[in-house]
Amino acid sequence: MTWRFAQFAAAVAAILSTRAFWWPGNHVVSYDGATYSGPNTEVSLQAIREWRIPFLNEFIFGTAPHLGNHAVGVLYPPRLVALVFGSSYGHGLIVVGHMLLLGLGMVALAKRVGLSPLGGAVTGVVAILA
């Protein structure tokens, strides 16, 4: 077994375990996504489409900071994926990307601490499935 196989195993685990997010026609909706993440993404995307930076969100609490809200991530580059694919599907693709990063990062960490490629594969897959 090689380190390439360990990376492949972690990537496959990440892609398959997040299929609800990227499978065409699916929309993963949670309470937090429907009440917070989704609407904030829409506010961000609308402002970016109008070529302005969304400093404030005038739709909640009689206007609240938007750019300064760490959970919104207006200037987070992967968030721009939602401009192309829409807020729901784009947000799902960001989740898939984060899971890939987690799995591949765990494989790299396993290699760094001296585990075998099999140990790296198991580490990456278990981190994803946990």
N, C-alpha and C. Protein backbone atom coordinates (compact mmCIF):
# COMPACT_ATOMS: atom_id res chain seq x y z
N MET A 1 0.84 -1.18 0.00
CA MET A 1 0.00 0.00 0.00
C MET A 1 0.89 1.24 0.00
N THR A 2 0.49 2.25 -0.77
CA THR A 2 1.27 3.47 -0.88
C THR A 2 0.51 4.64 -0.26
N TRP A 3 1.21 5.76 -0.14
CA TRP A 3 0.57 6.97 0.39
C TRP A 3 -0.47 7.51 -0.58
N ARG A 4 -0.28 7.28 -1.87
CA ARG A 4 -1.29 7.69 -2.86
C ARG A 4 -2.61 6.96 -2.60
N PHE A 5 -2.52 5.67 -2.26
CA PHE A 5 -3.73 4.92 -1.96
C PHE A 5 -4.40 5.46 -0.69
N ALA A 6 -3.60 5.84 0.30
CA ALA A 6 -4.16 6.41 1.53
C ALA A 6 -4.91 7.70 1.22
N GLN A 7 -4.32 8.53 0.36
CA GLN A 7 -4.99 9.77 -0.03
C GLN A 7 -6.26 9.46 -0.81
N PHE A 8 -6.20 8.50 -1.70
CA PHE A 8 -7.36 8.10 -2.49
C PHE A 8 -8.48 7.59 -1.59
N ALA A 9 -8.14 6.77 -0.60
CA ALA A 9 -9.14 6.22 0.31
C ALA A 9 -9.83 7.33 1.10
N ALA A 10 -9.07 8.29 1.59
CA ALA A 10 -9.65 9.40 2.34
C ALA A 10 -10.54 10.26 1.44
N ALA A 11 -10.09 10.50 0.21
CA ALA A 11 -10.88 11.31 -0.71
C ALA A 11 -12.19 10.60 -1.08
N VAL A 12 -12.14 9.32 -1.33
CA VAL A 12 -13.36 8.57 -1.66
C VAL A 12 -14.31 8.58 -0.48
N ALA A 13 -13.79 8.40 0.74
CA ALA A 13 -14.64 8.44 1.93
C ALA A 13 -15.31 9.80 2.08
N ALA A 14 -14.56 10.87 1.81
CA ALA A 14 -15.12 12.22 1.92
C ALA A 14 -16.20 12.45 0.87
N ILE A 15 -15.94 12.05 -0.35
CA ILE A 15 -16.89 12.29 -1.43
C ILE A 15 -18.16 11.46 -1.24
N LEU A 16 -18.00 10.19 -0.88
CA LEU A 16 -19.17 9.34 -0.71
C LEU A 16 -19.99 9.70 0.53
N SER A 17 -19.32 10.08 1.61
CA SER A 17 -20.07 10.40 2.83
C SER A 17 -20.80 11.73 2.73
N THR A 18 -20.41 12.58 1.79
CA THR A 18 -21.09 13.87 1.62
C THR A 18 -21.96 13.91 0.36
N ARG A 19 -22.32 12.74 -0.16
CA ARG A 19 -23.08 12.71 -1.42
C ARG A 19 -24.41 13.43 -1.33
N ALA A 20 -24.99 13.53 -0.15
CA ALA A 20 -26.25 14.26 -0.02
C ALA A 20 -26.07 15.74 -0.35
N PHE A 21 -24.86 16.25 -0.20
CA PHE A 21 -24.60 17.66 -0.47
C PHE A 21 -24.37 17.94 -1.94
N TRP A 22 -23.81 17.00 -2.70
CA TRP A 22 -23.47 17.29 -4.09
C TRP A 22 -24.30 16.51 -5.10
N TRP A 23 -25.06 15.54 -4.68
CA TRP A 23 -25.86 14.76 -5.62
C TRP A 23 -26.90 15.67 -6.25
N PRO A 24 -27.01 15.69 -7.58
CA PRO A 24 -27.96 16.59 -8.25
C PRO A 24 -29.39 16.40 -7.73
N GLY A 25 -30.03 17.50 -7.47
CA GLY A 25 -31.42 17.49 -7.00
C GLY A 25 -31.57 17.44 -5.50
N ASN A 26 -30.49 17.16 -4.77
CA ASN A 26 -30.56 17.12 -3.30
C ASN A 26 -30.29 18.49 -2.72
N HIS A 27 -30.95 18.76 -1.62
CA HIS A 27 -30.70 19.97 -0.85
C HIS A 27 -30.69 19.57 0.61
N VAL A 28 -29.56 19.72 1.27
CA VAL A 28 -29.47 19.41 2.68
C VAL A 28 -29.87 20.66 3.44
N VAL A 29 -30.93 20.54 4.21
CA VAL A 29 -31.45 21.68 4.95
C VAL A 29 -31.53 21.31 6.42
N SER A 30 -30.84 22.08 7.22
CA SER A 30 -30.90 21.92 8.66
C SER A 30 -31.58 23.16 9.24
N TYR A 31 -31.89 23.11 10.50
CA TYR A 31 -32.50 24.29 11.13
C TYR A 31 -31.57 25.49 11.02
N ASP A 32 -30.30 25.27 11.36
CA ASP A 32 -29.33 26.36 11.31
C ASP A 32 -29.12 26.84 9.88
N GLY A 33 -29.11 25.91 8.93
CA GLY A 33 -28.93 26.30 7.53
C GLY A 33 -30.10 27.10 6.99
N ALA A 34 -31.30 26.75 7.42
CA ALA A 34 -32.50 27.44 6.93
C ALA A 34 -32.70 28.80 7.60
N THR A 35 -32.27 28.91 8.85
CA THR A 35 -32.53 30.15 9.58
C THR A 35 -31.32 31.09 9.66
N TYR A 36 -30.12 30.57 9.40
CA TYR A 36 -28.94 31.41 9.59
C TYR A 36 -27.99 31.37 8.39
N SER A 37 -27.41 30.21 8.12
CA SER A 37 -26.38 30.12 7.08
C SER A 37 -26.92 30.46 5.70
N GLY A 38 -28.05 29.88 5.34
CA GLY A 38 -28.63 30.13 4.02
C GLY A 38 -28.98 31.60 3.79
N PRO A 39 -29.77 32.20 4.70
CA PRO A 39 -30.09 33.62 4.52
C PRO A 39 -28.86 34.54 4.53
N ASN A 40 -27.88 34.25 5.38
CA ASN A 40 -26.67 35.08 5.38
C ASN A 40 -25.89 34.93 4.08
N THR A 41 -25.87 33.73 3.53
CA THR A 41 -25.21 33.52 2.24
C THR A 41 -25.93 34.31 1.16
N GLU A 42 -27.25 34.33 1.20
CA GLU A 42 -28.01 35.11 0.21
C GLU A 42 -27.72 36.60 0.32
N VAL A 43 -27.63 37.12 1.54
CA VAL A 43 -27.30 38.54 1.72
C VAL A 43 -25.91 38.82 1.15
N SER A 44 -24.96 37.94 1.43
CA SER A 44 -23.60 38.12 0.92
C SER A 44 -23.57 38.09 -0.61
N LEU A 45 -24.24 37.09 -1.19
CA LEU A 45 -24.22 36.94 -2.65
C LEU A 45 -24.91 38.10 -3.35
N GLN A 46 -26.01 38.58 -2.78
CA GLN A 46 -26.71 39.71 -3.39
C GLN A 46 -25.82 40.95 -3.41
N ALA A 47 -25.11 41.18 -2.31
CA ALA A 47 -24.21 42.34 -2.26
C ALA A 47 -23.06 42.18 -3.26
N ILE A 48 -22.49 40.99 -3.34
CA ILE A 48 -21.38 40.78 -4.27
C ILE A 48 -21.84 40.92 -5.71
N ARG A 49 -23.05 40.46 -6.02
CA ARG A 49 -23.59 40.63 -7.38
C ARG A 49 -23.78 42.09 -7.73
N GLU A 50 -24.03 42.92 -6.71
CA GLU A 50 -24.19 44.36 -6.91
C GLU A 50 -22.86 45.11 -6.78
N TRP A 51 -21.75 44.38 -6.74
CA TRP A 51 -20.40 44.93 -6.64
C TRP A 51 -20.22 45.82 -5.42
N ARG A 52 -20.73 45.36 -4.29
CA ARG A 52 -20.52 46.09 -3.04
C ARG A 52 -20.18 45.10 -1.94
N ILE A 53 -19.53 45.59 -0.89
CA ILE A 53 -19.18 44.75 0.25
C ILE A 53 -20.31 44.86 1.27
N PRO A 54 -20.85 43.72 1.72
CA PRO A 54 -21.96 43.77 2.67
C PRO A 54 -21.48 44.02 4.10
N PHE A 55 -21.42 45.27 4.48
CA PHE A 55 -20.98 45.61 5.82
C PHE A 55 -22.05 45.30 6.85
N LEU A 56 -23.31 45.53 6.49
CA LEU A 56 -24.41 45.33 7.43
C LEU A 56 -25.48 44.44 6.81
N ASN A 57 -26.18 43.72 7.67
CA ASN A 57 -27.34 42.93 7.26
C ASN A 57 -28.56 43.63 7.82
N GLU A 58 -29.29 44.31 6.97
CA GLU A 58 -30.45 45.08 7.43
C GLU A 58 -31.70 44.23 7.63
N PHE A 59 -31.60 42.94 7.41
CA PHE A 59 -32.77 42.07 7.51
C PHE A 59 -32.94 41.40 8.87
N ILE A 60 -31.95 41.51 9.76
CA ILE A 60 -32.08 40.88 11.08
C ILE A 60 -31.76 41.88 12.18
N PHE A 61 -32.45 41.76 13.29
CA PHE A 61 -32.22 42.54 14.50
C PHE A 61 -32.19 44.05 14.23
N GLY A 62 -32.93 44.52 13.26
CA GLY A 62 -32.96 45.94 12.95
C GLY A 62 -31.64 46.45 12.40
N THR A 63 -30.84 45.61 11.84
CA THR A 63 -29.54 45.79 11.20
C THR A 63 -28.44 45.30 12.14
N ALA A 64 -27.67 44.37 11.62
CA ALA A 64 -26.60 43.76 12.39
C ALA A 64 -25.33 43.73 11.54
N PRO A 65 -24.16 43.71 12.19
CA PRO A 65 -22.92 43.61 11.43
C PRO A 65 -22.91 42.32 10.59
N HIS A 66 -22.50 42.44 9.35
CA HIS A 66 -22.45 41.28 8.46
C HIS A 66 -21.00 40.94 8.12
N LEU A 67 -20.25 41.92 7.68
CA LEU A 67 -18.85 41.69 7.32
C LEU A 67 -18.04 41.25 8.54
N GLY A 68 -18.34 41.81 9.68
CA GLY A 68 -17.60 41.49 10.90
C GLY A 68 -18.05 40.22 11.60
N ASN A 69 -19.07 39.56 11.08
CA ASN A 69 -19.57 38.33 11.69
C ASN A 69 -18.68 37.18 11.23
N HIS A 70 -17.97 36.56 12.16
CA HIS A 70 -17.01 35.52 11.80
C HIS A 70 -17.70 34.29 11.20
N ALA A 71 -18.94 34.04 11.53
CA ALA A 71 -19.64 32.85 11.03
C ALA A 71 -20.15 33.02 9.60
N VAL A 72 -20.22 34.24 9.11
CA VAL A 72 -20.74 34.49 7.77
C VAL A 72 -19.67 34.23 6.72
N GLY A 73 -18.47 34.67 6.95
CA GLY A 73 -17.36 34.43 6.03
C GLY A 73 -17.52 35.09 4.68
N VAL A 74 -17.86 36.37 4.67
CA VAL A 74 -18.08 37.08 3.41
C VAL A 74 -16.85 37.06 2.52
N LEU A 75 -15.69 37.27 3.08
CA LEU A 75 -14.46 37.36 2.29
C LEU A 75 -13.71 36.03 2.20
N TYR A 76 -14.33 34.94 2.62
CA TYR A 76 -13.72 33.61 2.54
C TYR A 76 -13.79 33.15 1.09
N PRO A 77 -12.64 32.98 0.41
CA PRO A 77 -12.65 32.69 -1.03
C PRO A 77 -13.53 31.51 -1.47
N PRO A 78 -13.54 30.38 -0.76
CA PRO A 78 -14.43 29.30 -1.23
C PRO A 78 -15.91 29.67 -1.23
N ARG A 79 -16.29 30.67 -0.47
CA ARG A 79 -17.68 31.11 -0.45
C ARG A 79 -18.13 31.59 -1.84
N LEU A 80 -17.18 32.00 -2.66
CA LEU A 80 -17.51 32.47 -4.01
C LEU A 80 -18.03 31.35 -4.91
N VAL A 81 -17.84 30.09 -4.50
CA VAL A 81 -18.41 28.96 -5.24
C VAL A 81 -19.92 29.10 -5.31
N ALA A 82 -20.51 29.67 -4.27
CA ALA A 82 -21.95 29.85 -4.23
C ALA A 82 -22.43 30.85 -5.29
N LEU A 83 -21.56 31.74 -5.74
CA LEU A 83 -21.95 32.66 -6.82
C LEU A 83 -22.24 31.90 -8.11
N VAL A 84 -21.50 30.84 -8.33
CA VAL A 84 -21.65 30.06 -9.55
C VAL A 84 -22.78 29.05 -9.43
N PHE A 85 -22.86 28.37 -8.30
CA PHE A 85 -23.79 27.25 -8.15
C PHE A 85 -25.04 27.56 -7.34
N GLY A 86 -25.18 28.76 -6.82
CA GLY A 86 -26.32 29.09 -5.98
C GLY A 86 -26.00 28.83 -4.52
N SER A 87 -26.78 29.41 -3.63
CA SER A 87 -26.43 29.34 -2.21
C SER A 87 -26.55 27.94 -1.64
N SER A 88 -27.59 27.20 -1.97
CA SER A 88 -27.77 25.87 -1.38
C SER A 88 -26.73 24.87 -1.89
N TYR A 89 -26.63 24.72 -3.20
CA TYR A 89 -25.69 23.77 -3.78
C TYR A 89 -24.25 24.23 -3.55
N GLY A 90 -24.00 25.52 -3.66
CA GLY A 90 -22.66 26.06 -3.41
C GLY A 90 -22.22 25.81 -1.98
N HIS A 91 -23.13 25.99 -1.03
CA HIS A 91 -22.80 25.72 0.36
C HIS A 91 -22.48 24.24 0.54
N GLY A 92 -23.22 23.37 -0.13
CA GLY A 92 -22.93 21.94 -0.08
C GLY A 92 -21.56 21.60 -0.63
N LEU A 93 -21.18 22.26 -1.72
CA LEU A 93 -19.84 22.02 -2.29
C LEU A 93 -18.74 22.49 -1.36
N ILE A 94 -18.99 23.54 -0.62
CA ILE A 94 -18.01 24.00 0.37
C ILE A 94 -17.84 22.96 1.47
N VAL A 95 -18.95 22.35 1.88
CA VAL A 95 -18.89 21.28 2.89
C VAL A 95 -18.04 20.12 2.37
N VAL A 96 -18.27 19.73 1.12
CA VAL A 96 -17.49 18.63 0.51
C VAL A 96 -16.01 19.00 0.48
N GLY A 97 -15.70 20.21 0.10
CA GLY A 97 -14.30 20.66 0.07
C GLY A 97 -13.66 20.61 1.45
N HIS A 98 -14.40 21.02 2.47
CA HIS A 98 -13.86 20.97 3.83
C HIS A 98 -13.62 19.54 4.27
N MET A 99 -14.51 18.63 3.90
CA MET A 99 -14.33 17.23 4.27
C MET A 99 -13.12 16.63 3.55
N LEU A 100 -12.94 16.99 2.28
CA LEU A 100 -11.74 16.54 1.56
C LEU A 100 -10.47 17.05 2.24
N LEU A 101 -10.50 18.31 2.62
CA LEU A 101 -9.35 18.90 3.31
C LEU A 101 -9.07 18.18 4.63
N LEU A 102 -10.12 17.85 5.36
CA LEU A 102 -9.95 17.12 6.62
C LEU A 102 -9.31 15.75 6.38
N GLY A 103 -9.86 14.99 5.45
CA GLY A 103 -9.34 13.65 5.19
C GLY A 103 -7.90 13.66 4.71
N LEU A 104 -7.61 14.51 3.73
CA LEU A 104 -6.25 14.57 3.19
C LEU A 104 -5.27 15.15 4.21
N GLY A 105 -5.75 16.07 5.03
CA GLY A 105 -4.91 16.62 6.09
C GLY A 105 -4.56 15.57 7.14
N MET A 106 -5.51 14.71 7.45
CA MET A 106 -5.24 13.64 8.41
C MET A 106 -4.24 12.62 7.85
N VAL A 107 -4.34 12.35 6.55
CA VAL A 107 -3.35 11.45 5.93
C VAL A 107 -1.96 12.08 6.00
N ALA A 108 -1.87 13.37 5.70
CA ALA A 108 -0.58 14.06 5.77
C ALA A 108 -0.03 14.05 7.20
N LEU A 109 -0.92 14.25 8.17
CA LEU A 109 -0.49 14.22 9.57
C LEU A 109 -0.01 12.83 9.96
N ALA A 110 -0.72 11.79 9.51
CA ALA A 110 -0.31 10.42 9.81
C ALA A 110 1.08 10.13 9.23
N LYS A 111 1.31 10.61 8.02
CA LYS A 111 2.62 10.41 7.40
C LYS A 111 3.70 11.15 8.19
N ARG A 112 3.37 12.35 8.63
CA ARG A 112 4.33 13.18 9.36
C ARG A 112 4.73 12.55 10.70
N VAL A 113 3.77 11.90 11.37
CA VAL A 113 4.09 11.31 12.68
C VAL A 113 4.66 9.90 12.55
N GLY A 114 4.79 9.40 11.32
CA GLY A 114 5.48 8.14 11.11
C GLY A 114 4.60 6.91 11.00
N LEU A 115 3.32 7.08 10.79
CA LEU A 115 2.47 5.91 10.60
C LEU A 115 2.71 5.30 9.22
N SER A 116 2.27 4.09 9.03
CA SER A 116 2.37 3.44 7.73
C SER A 116 1.28 3.98 6.81
N PRO A 117 1.38 3.73 5.50
CA PRO A 117 0.31 4.16 4.60
C PRO A 117 -1.06 3.58 4.99
N LEU A 118 -1.09 2.35 5.49
CA LEU A 118 -2.36 1.78 5.95
C LEU A 118 -2.90 2.57 7.14
N GLY A 119 -2.01 2.92 8.05
CA GLY A 119 -2.42 3.75 9.19
C GLY A 119 -2.92 5.11 8.74
N GLY A 120 -2.29 5.66 7.71
CA GLY A 120 -2.75 6.94 7.17
C GLY A 120 -4.11 6.84 6.53
N ALA A 121 -4.34 5.74 5.80
CA ALA A 121 -5.65 5.53 5.17
C ALA A 121 -6.73 5.40 6.23
N VAL A 122 -6.45 4.60 7.25
CA VAL A 122 -7.43 4.41 8.32
C VAL A 122 -7.68 5.73 9.05
N THR A 123 -6.63 6.47 9.32
CA THR A 123 -6.76 7.76 10.00
C THR A 123 -7.64 8.72 9.20
N GLY A 124 -7.37 8.83 7.90
CA GLY A 124 -8.17 9.72 7.06
C GLY A 124 -9.62 9.30 6.97
N VAL A 125 -9.86 8.02 6.78
CA VAL A 125 -11.24 7.52 6.63
C VAL A 125 -12.01 7.66 7.94
N VAL A 126 -11.38 7.31 9.05
CA VAL A 126 -12.07 7.41 10.35
C VAL A 126 -12.38 8.86 10.69
N ALA A 127 -11.46 9.78 10.39
CA ALA A 127 -11.73 11.20 10.65
C ALA A 127 -12.93 11.67 9.85
N ILE A 128 -13.04 11.22 8.61
CA ILE A 128 -14.17 11.62 7.77
C ILE A 128 -15.47 11.03 8.30
N LEU A 129 -15.46 9.76 8.63
CA LEU A 129 -16.69 9.09 9.04
C LEU A 129 -17.09 9.41 10.47
N ALA A 130 -16.18 9.99 11.24
CA ALA A 130 -16.53 10.37 12.61
C ALA A 130 -17.38 11.61 12.55
